[in-house]
Structures are given as structure tokens and as C-alpha cells.
PDB file of N, CA and C in Angstrom:
ATOM      1  N   MET A   1      11.971 -39.582  11.442  1.00  0.00           N
ATOM      2  CA  MET A   1      12.632 -38.361  11.670  1.00  0.00           C
ATOM      3  C   MET A   1      12.898 -37.734  10.245  1.00  0.00           C
ATOM      4  N   ARG A   2      12.757 -36.161  10.112  1.00  0.00           N
ATOM      5  CA  ARG A   2      13.000 -35.684   8.642  1.00  0.00           C
ATOM      6  C   ARG A   2      14.485 -35.246   8.905  1.00  0.00           C
ATOM      7  N   THR A   3      15.130 -35.463   7.404  1.00  0.00           N
ATOM      8  CA  THR A   3      16.693 -35.327   7.291  1.00  0.00           C
ATOM      9  C   THR A   3      16.623 -33.953   6.773  1.00  0.00           C
ATOM     10  N   LYS A   4      15.526 -33.492   5.948  1.00  0.00           N
ATOM     11  CA  LYS A   4      15.634 -32.227   5.205  1.00  0.00           C
ATOM     12  C   LYS A   4      15.000 -31.187   5.848  1.00  0.00           C
ATOM     13  N   ARG A   5      15.496 -30.068   5.534  1.00  0.00           N
ATOM     14  CA  ARG A   5      15.132 -28.550   6.332  1.00  0.00           C
ATOM     15  C   ARG A   5      14.613 -27.854   5.198  1.00  0.00           C
ATOM     16  N   LYS A   6      13.834 -26.790   5.580  1.00  0.00           N
ATOM     17  CA  LYS A   6      13.365 -26.034   4.441  1.00  0.00           C
ATOM     18  C   LYS A   6      14.232 -24.663   4.489  1.00  0.00           C
ATOM     19  N   ILE A   7      14.604 -24.033   3.375  1.00  0.00           N
ATOM     20  CA  ILE A   7      15.088 -22.728   3.648  1.00  0.00           C
ATOM     21  C   ILE A   7      14.411 -21.978   2.626  1.00  0.00           C
ATOM     22  N   SER A   8      14.933 -20.402   2.851  1.00  0.00           N
ATOM     23  CA  SER A   8      14.172 -19.695   1.747  1.00  0.00           C
ATOM     24  C   SER A   8      15.390 -18.928   1.013  1.00  0.00           C
ATOM     25  N   VAL A   9      15.196 -18.614  -0.029  1.00  0.00           N
ATOM     26  CA  VAL A   9      16.401 -17.978  -0.957  1.00  0.00           C
ATOM     27  C   VAL A   9      15.587 -16.876  -1.645  1.00  0.00           C
ATOM     28  N   THR A  10      16.313 -15.805  -2.147  1.00  0.00           N
ATOM     29  CA  THR A  10      15.767 -14.725  -3.079  1.00  0.00           C
ATOM     30  C   THR A  10      16.513 -14.603  -4.201  1.00  0.00           C
ATOM     31  N   ILE A  11      15.959 -14.852  -5.213  1.00  0.00           N
ATOM     32  CA  ILE A  11      16.898 -14.746  -6.363  1.00  0.00           C
ATOM     33  C   ILE A  11      16.129 -13.840  -7.605  1.00  0.00           C
ATOM     34  N   ASP A  12      17.077 -13.605  -8.430  1.00  0.00           N
ATOM     35  CA  ASP A  12      16.502 -12.594  -9.610  1.00  0.00           C
ATOM     36  C   ASP A  12      15.473 -13.392 -10.394  1.00  0.00           C
ATOM     37  N   ALA A  13      14.533 -12.437 -11.096  1.00  0.00           N
ATOM     38  CA  ALA A  13      13.410 -13.172 -11.556  1.00  0.00           C
ATOM     39  C   ALA A  13      13.949 -13.891 -12.905  1.00  0.00           C
ATOM     40  N   GLU A  14      14.947 -13.486 -13.686  1.00  0.00           N
ATOM     41  CA  GLU A  14      15.581 -14.269 -14.535  1.00  0.00           C
ATOM     42  C   GLU A  14      16.145 -15.464 -14.404  1.00  0.00           C
ATOM     43  N   LEU A  15      16.749 -15.547 -13.057  1.00  0.00           N
ATOM     44  CA  LEU A  15      17.000 -16.812 -12.824  1.00  0.00           C
ATOM     45  C   LEU A  15      16.142 -17.866 -12.412  1.00  0.00           C
ATOM     46  N   LEU A  16      14.905 -17.126 -11.806  1.00  0.00           N
ATOM     47  CA  LEU A  16      13.902 -18.095 -11.371  1.00  0.00           C
ATOM     48  C   LEU A  16      13.231 -18.643 -12.737  1.00  0.00           C
ATOM     49  N   LYS A  17      13.173 -17.834 -13.796  1.00  0.00           N
ATOM     50  CA  LYS A  17      12.521 -18.231 -14.948  1.00  0.00           C
ATOM     51  C   LYS A  17      13.325 -19.493 -15.328  1.00  0.00           C
ATOM     52  N   ALA A  18      14.681 -19.260 -15.396  1.00  0.00           N
ATOM     53  CA  ALA A  18      15.431 -20.424 -15.733  1.00  0.00           C
ATOM     54  C   ALA A  18      15.375 -21.538 -15.028  1.00  0.00           C
ATOM     55  N   VAL A  19      15.302 -21.426 -13.672  1.00  0.00           N
ATOM     56  CA  VAL A  19      15.239 -22.649 -12.629  1.00  0.00           C
ATOM     57  C   VAL A  19      13.744 -23.278 -12.991  1.00  0.00           C
ATOM     58  N   ASP A  20      12.689 -22.490 -13.152  1.00  0.00           N
ATOM     59  CA  ASP A  20      11.623 -22.894 -13.590  1.00  0.00           C
ATOM     60  C   ASP A  20      11.387 -23.699 -14.789  1.00  0.00           C
ATOM     61  N   ASP A  21      12.083 -23.380 -15.738  1.00  0.00           N
ATOM     62  CA  ASP A  21      12.246 -23.931 -17.252  1.00  0.00           C
ATOM     63  C   ASP A  21      13.016 -25.328 -16.968  1.00  0.00           C
ATOM     64  N   ALA A  22      14.176 -25.239 -16.448  1.00  0.00           N
ATOM     65  CA  ALA A  22      14.924 -26.427 -15.784  1.00  0.00           C
ATOM     66  C   ALA A  22      14.223 -27.578 -15.420  1.00  0.00           C
ATOM     67  N   SER A  23      13.293 -27.002 -14.375  1.00  0.00           N
ATOM     68  CA  SER A  23      12.677 -28.063 -13.527  1.00  0.00           C
ATOM     69  C   SER A  23      11.526 -28.751 -14.485  1.00  0.00           C
ATOM     70  N   LYS A  24      11.028 -27.852 -15.372  1.00  0.00           N
ATOM     71  CA  LYS A  24      10.024 -28.727 -16.163  1.00  0.00           C
ATOM     72  C   LYS A  24      10.616 -29.572 -17.286  1.00  0.00           C
ATOM     73  N   THR A  25      11.760 -29.031 -17.908  1.00  0.00           N
ATOM     74  CA  THR A  25      12.475 -29.671 -18.888  1.00  0.00           C
ATOM     75  C   THR A  25      13.104 -31.018 -18.463  1.00  0.00           C
ATOM     76  N   TYR A  26      13.658 -31.090 -17.126  1.00  0.00           N
ATOM     77  CA  TYR A  26      14.378 -32.181 -16.407  1.00  0.00           C
ATOM     78  C   TYR A  26      13.466 -32.975 -15.556  1.00  0.00           C
ATOM     79  N   HIS A  27      12.302 -32.624 -15.534  1.00  0.00           N
ATOM     80  CA  HIS A  27      11.237 -33.274 -14.632  1.00  0.00           C
ATOM     81  C   HIS A  27      11.678 -33.334 -13.039  1.00  0.00           C
ATOM     82  N   MET A  28      12.165 -32.316 -12.504  1.00  0.00           N
ATOM     83  CA  MET A  28      12.945 -32.343 -11.347  1.00  0.00           C
ATOM     84  C   MET A  28      12.273 -31.054 -10.489  1.00  0.00           C
ATOM     85  N   ALA A  29      12.225 -31.369  -9.294  1.00  0.00           N
ATOM     86  CA  ALA A  29      11.500 -30.277  -8.253  1.00  0.00           C
ATOM     87  C   ALA A  29      12.657 -29.292  -8.346  1.00  0.00           C
ATOM     88  N   LYS A  30      12.101 -28.035  -7.969  1.00  0.00           N
ATOM     89  CA  LYS A  30      12.953 -27.061  -7.978  1.00  0.00           C
ATOM     90  C   LYS A  30      13.852 -27.209  -6.710  1.00  0.00           C
ATOM     91  N   SER A  31      13.480 -27.954  -5.670  1.00  0.00           N
ATOM     92  CA  SER A  31      14.285 -28.128  -4.206  1.00  0.00           C
ATOM     93  C   SER A  31      15.473 -28.990  -4.718  1.00  0.00           C
ATOM     94  N   HIS A  32      15.093 -30.002  -5.510  1.00  0.00           N
ATOM     95  CA  HIS A  32      16.028 -30.801  -6.005  1.00  0.00           C
ATOM     96  C   HIS A  32      17.186 -30.224  -6.977  1.00  0.00           C
ATOM     97  N   LEU A  33      16.641 -29.428  -7.605  1.00  0.00           N
ATOM     98  CA  LEU A  33      17.630 -28.487  -8.631  1.00  0.00           C
ATOM     99  C   LEU A  33      18.812 -27.725  -7.565  1.00  0.00           C
ATOM    100  N   ALA A  34      17.956 -27.105  -6.763  1.00  0.00           N
ATOM    101  CA  ALA A  34      18.736 -26.394  -5.741  1.00  0.00           C
ATOM    102  C   ALA A  34      19.684 -27.202  -4.897  1.00  0.00           C
ATOM    103  N   GLN A  35      19.473 -28.400  -4.503  1.00  0.00           N
ATOM    104  CA  GLN A  35      20.294 -28.988  -3.654  1.00  0.00           C
ATOM    105  C   GLN A  35      21.191 -29.556  -4.611  1.00  0.00           C
ATOM    106  N   GLU A  36      21.078 -30.016  -5.708  1.00  0.00           N
ATOM    107  CA  GLU A  36      22.249 -30.252  -6.706  1.00  0.00           C
ATOM    108  C   GLU A  36      23.248 -28.772  -6.973  1.00  0.00           C
ATOM    109  N   ALA A  37      22.696 -27.725  -7.218  1.00  0.00           N
ATOM    110  CA  ALA A  37      23.434 -26.694  -7.322  1.00  0.00           C
ATOM    111  C   ALA A  37      24.377 -26.422  -6.051  1.00  0.00           C
ATOM    112  N   PHE A  38      23.774 -26.384  -4.802  1.00  0.00           N
ATOM    113  CA  PHE A  38      24.425 -26.092  -3.644  1.00  0.00           C
ATOM    114  C   PHE A  38      25.623 -27.139  -3.415  1.00  0.00           C
ATOM    115  N   THR A  39      25.105 -28.218  -3.749  1.00  0.00           N
ATOM    116  CA  THR A  39      26.266 -29.454  -3.670  1.00  0.00           C
ATOM    117  C   THR A  39      27.505 -29.324  -4.666  1.00  0.00           C
ATOM    118  N   LEU A  40      27.195 -28.911  -5.821  1.00  0.00           N
ATOM    119  CA  LEU A  40      28.028 -28.496  -6.873  1.00  0.00           C
ATOM    120  C   LEU A  40      29.082 -27.429  -6.644  1.00  0.00           C
ATOM    121  N   TRP A  41      28.368 -26.325  -5.947  1.00  0.00           N
ATOM    122  CA  TRP A  41      29.126 -25.199  -5.603  1.00  0.00           C
ATOM    123  C   TRP A  41      30.065 -25.382  -4.484  1.00  0.00           C
ATOM    124  N   LEU A  42      29.638 -25.999  -3.522  1.00  0.00           N
ATOM    125  CA  LEU A  42      30.349 -26.516  -2.285  1.00  0.00           C
ATOM    126  C   LEU A  42      31.550 -27.483  -2.728  1.00  0.00           C
ATOM    127  N   LYS A  43      31.312 -28.400  -3.745  1.00  0.00           N
ATOM    128  CA  LYS A  43      32.393 -29.244  -4.148  1.00  0.00           C
ATOM    129  C   LYS A  43      33.431 -28.370  -5.113  1.00  0.00           C
ATOM    130  N   LYS A  44      32.835 -27.418  -5.712  1.00  0.00           N
ATOM    131  CA  LYS A  44      33.951 -26.772  -6.477  1.00  0.00           C
ATOM    132  C   LYS A  44      34.763 -25.776  -5.618  1.00  0.00           C
ATOM    133  N   LYS A  45      34.127 -25.089  -4.505  1.00  0.00           N
ATOM    134  CA  LYS A  45      34.888 -24.353  -3.801  1.00  0.00           C
ATOM    135  C   LYS A  45      36.020 -25.200  -2.823  1.00  0.00           C
ATOM    136  N   THR A  46      35.561 -26.523  -2.607  1.00  0.00           N
ATOM    137  CA  THR A  46      36.641 -27.256  -1.757  1.00  0.00           C
ATOM    138  C   THR A  46      37.576 -27.529  -2.824  1.00  0.00           C
ATOM    139  N   GLU A  47      37.392 -27.973  -4.082  1.00  0.00           N
ATOM    140  CA  GLU A  47      38.529 -28.368  -4.871  1.00  0.00           C
ATOM    141  C   GLU A  47      39.407 -26.903  -5.292  1.00  0.00           C
ATOM    142  N   GLN A  48      38.965 -25.974  -5.128  1.00  0.00           N
ATOM    143  CA  GLN A  48      39.577 -24.710  -5.503  1.00  0.00           C
ATOM    144  C   GLN A  48      40.437 -24.394  -4.154  1.00  0.00           C
ATOM    145  N   LEU A  49      39.906 -24.792  -3.096  1.00  0.00           N
ATOM    146  CA  LEU A  49      40.858 -24.412  -1.912  1.00  0.00           C
ATOM    147  C   LEU A  49      41.788 -25.544  -1.701  1.00  0.00           C
ATOM    148  N   MET A  50      41.460 -26.728  -2.138  1.00  0.00           N
ATOM    149  CA  MET A  50      42.549 -27.684  -1.941  1.00  0.00           C
ATOM    150  C   MET A  50      43.537 -27.334  -3.142  1.00  0.00           C
ATOM    151  N   ALA A  51      43.217 -27.007  -4.242  1.00  0.00           N
ATOM    152  CA  ALA A  51      44.310 -26.654  -5.371  1.00  0.00           C
ATOM    153  C   ALA A  51      45.004 -25.585  -4.867  1.00  0.00           C
ATOM    154  N   LYS A  52      44.488 -24.464  -4.063  1.00  0.00           N
ATOM    155  CA  LYS A  52      45.173 -23.509  -3.485  1.00  0.00           C
ATOM    156  C   LYS A  52      46.281 -23.819  -2.496  1.00  0.00           C
ATOM    157  N   GLY A  53      45.889 -24.784  -1.801  1.00  0.00           N
ATOM    158  CA  GLY A  53      46.781 -25.318  -0.848  1.00  0.00           C
ATOM    159  C   GLY A  53      47.939 -26.347  -1.167  1.00  0.00           C
ATOM    160  N   TYR A  54      47.626 -27.090  -2.400  1.00  0.00           N
ATOM    161  CA  TYR A  54      48.610 -27.726  -2.975  1.00  0.00           C
ATOM    162  C   TYR A  54      49.643 -26.959  -3.702  1.00  0.00           C
ATOM    163  N   ARG A  55      49.238 -25.884  -4.213  1.00  0.00           N
ATOM    164  CA  ARG A  55      50.039 -24.875  -4.943  1.00  0.00           C
ATOM    165  C   ARG A  55      50.772 -24.358  -4.005  1.00  0.00           C
ATOM    166  N   GLU A  56      50.361 -23.883  -2.766  1.00  0.00           N
ATOM    167  CA  GLU A  56      51.183 -23.333  -1.490  1.00  0.00           C
ATOM    168  C   GLU A  56      52.370 -24.290  -1.158  1.00  0.00           C
ATOM    169  N   MET A  57      51.897 -25.457  -0.950  1.00  0.00           N
ATOM    170  CA  MET A  57      52.950 -26.575  -0.396  1.00  0.00           C
ATOM    171  C   MET A  57      53.848 -26.571  -1.330  1.00  0.00           C
ATOM    172  N   ALA A  58      53.489 -26.807  -2.691  1.00  0.00           N
ATOM    173  CA  ALA A  58      54.541 -26.812  -3.587  1.00  0.00           C
ATOM    174  C   ALA A  58      55.620 -25.944  -3.687  1.00  0.00           C
ATOM    175  N   GLU A  59      55.078 -24.537  -3.449  1.00  0.00           N
ATOM    176  CA  GLU A  59      56.081 -23.626  -3.410  1.00  0.00           C
ATOM    177  C   GLU A  59      57.040 -23.512  -2.178  1.00  0.00           C
ATOM    178  N   GLU A  60      56.449 -24.012  -1.015  1.00  0.00           N
ATOM    179  CA  GLU A  60      57.192 -24.122   0.214  1.00  0.00           C
ATOM    180  C   GLU A  60      58.108 -25.334  -0.135  1.00  0.00           C
ATOM    181  N   ASP A  61      57.564 -26.316  -0.555  1.00  0.00           N
ATOM    182  CA  ASP A  61      58.809 -27.662  -0.924  1.00  0.00           C
ATOM    183  C   ASP A  61      59.964 -27.109  -1.849  1.00  0.00           C
ATOM    184  N   LYS A  62      59.453 -26.249  -2.720  1.00  0.00           N
ATOM    185  CA  LYS A  62      60.533 -25.825  -3.850  1.00  0.00           C
ATOM    186  C   LYS A  62      61.708 -25.001  -3.086  1.00  0.00           C
ATOM    187  N   GLU A  63      61.064 -24.072  -2.138  1.00  0.00           N
ATOM    188  CA  GLU A  63      61.768 -23.523  -1.407  1.00  0.00           C
ATOM    189  C   GLU A  63      62.931 -24.046  -0.429  1.00  0.00           C
ATOM    190  N   PHE A  64      62.347 -25.075   0.223  1.00  0.00           N
ATOM    191  CA  PHE A  64      62.992 -26.123   1.183  1.00  0.00           C
ATOM    192  C   PHE A  64      64.002 -26.776   0.368  1.00  0.00           C
ATOM    193  N   ALA A  65      63.633 -27.211  -0.850  1.00  0.00           N
ATOM    194  CA  ALA A  65      64.743 -27.807  -1.830  1.00  0.00           C
ATOM    195  C   ALA A  65      65.636 -27.170  -2.148  1.00  0.00           C
ATOM    196  N   GLU A  66      65.620 -25.650  -2.494  1.00  0.00           N
ATOM    197  CA  GLU A  66      66.453 -24.826  -2.926  1.00  0.00           C
ATOM    198  C   GLU A  66      67.571 -24.603  -1.686  1.00  0.00           C
ATOM    199  N   LEU A  67      66.937 -24.460  -0.483  1.00  0.00           N
ATOM    200  CA  LEU A  67      67.877 -24.190   0.632  1.00  0.00           C
ATOM    201  C   LEU A  67      68.552 -25.488   0.868  1.00  0.00           C
ATOM    202  N   SER A  68      68.021 -26.527   0.888  1.00  0.00           N
ATOM    203  CA  SER A  68      68.695 -27.833   1.065  1.00  0.00           C
ATOM    204  C   SER A  68      69.916 -28.194   0.140  1.00  0.00           C
ATOM    205  N   PHE A  69      69.584 -27.803  -1.285  1.00  0.00           N
ATOM    206  CA  PHE A  69      70.484 -27.807  -2.069  1.00  0.00           C
ATOM    207  C   PHE A  69      71.792 -26.950  -1.800  1.00  0.00           C
ATOM    208  N   GLU A  70      71.753 -25.750  -1.591  1.00  0.00           N
ATOM    209  CA  GLU A  70      72.536 -24.675  -1.161  1.00  0.00           C
ATOM    210  C   GLU A  70      73.330 -25.126  -0.102  1.00  0.00           C
ATOM    211  N   ALA A  71      72.750 -25.557   0.988  1.00  0.00           N
ATOM    212  CA  ALA A  71      73.456 -26.170   2.560  1.00  0.00           C
ATOM    213  C   ALA A  71      74.116 -27.521   1.810  1.00  0.00           C
ATOM    214  N   GLN A  72      73.887 -28.286   1.048  1.00  0.00           N
ATOM    215  CA  GLN A  72      74.512 -29.444   0.659  1.00  0.00           C
ATOM    216  C   GLN A  72      75.820 -28.919  -0.129  1.00  0.00           C
ATOM    217  N   SER A  73      75.613 -28.031  -1.094  1.00  0.00           N
ATOM    218  CA  SER A  73      76.880 -27.608  -1.869  1.00  0.00           C
ATOM    219  C   SER A  73      77.635 -26.844  -1.109  1.00  0.00           C
ATOM    220  N   GLU A  74      77.344 -26.300  -0.052  1.00  0.00           N
ATOM    221  CA  GLU A  74      78.420 -25.685   0.771  1.00  0.00           C
ATOM    222  C   GLU A  74      79.300 -26.591   1.496  1.00  0.00           C
ATOM    223  N   VAL A  75      78.567 -27.726   2.022  1.00  0.00           N
ATOM    224  CA  VAL A  75      79.284 -28.917   2.855  1.00  0.00           C
ATOM    225  C   VAL A  75      80.337 -29.621   1.521  1.00  0.00           C
ATOM    226  N   VAL A  76      79.702 -29.858   0.633  1.00  0.00           N
ATOM    227  CA  VAL A  76      80.526 -30.582  -0.506  1.00  0.00           C
ATOM    228  C   VAL A  76      81.889 -29.783  -0.894  1.00  0.00           C
ATOM    229  N   SER A  77      81.539 -28.301  -0.814  1.00  0.00           N
ATOM    230  CA  SER A  77      82.575 -27.516  -1.508  1.00  0.00           C
ATOM    231  C   SER A  77      83.795 -27.381  -0.520  1.00  0.00           C
TER     232      SER A  77
END
């Protein structure tokens, strides 16, 4: 059973030239270069989304900590 599937993409002529050159320089099939590019792009986007989520959680934690501190200050006073 084949695990790989074919796709078709349309790219600018300039990018195609760069891909052709890279394919020859690194002795890699264009499909392999494309697979690596897709993998890296998906990884980067996932990391960006995770970083955004962590920043949002940090902001929520900060707000909660400030509220808790205010409440504790009122109790102590």
C-alpha cells in the first residue's frame, strides 16, 4: 500500500527556478524538497500558535494573580 499521494501546486517561475537549482545542488527530488518545506512550514505555524497560547495564558495568570493579591490584601487589612 502506498503511503504517499500526489498533489499539484502552482508556483511562480522564479520560485520554480530556485527549486530546480536547489534540487540539483542538494541532489534531492523536488517532491522531497516540497515535503520538507511543507513540514517546516507546519512546524513553524504550530510553534507560533503555541507561543501565542502561552502568552495568552501568561496574561490570564498575571491577571488572576493580581486579583488574588488584591483579595488577600483586603482580608489581611
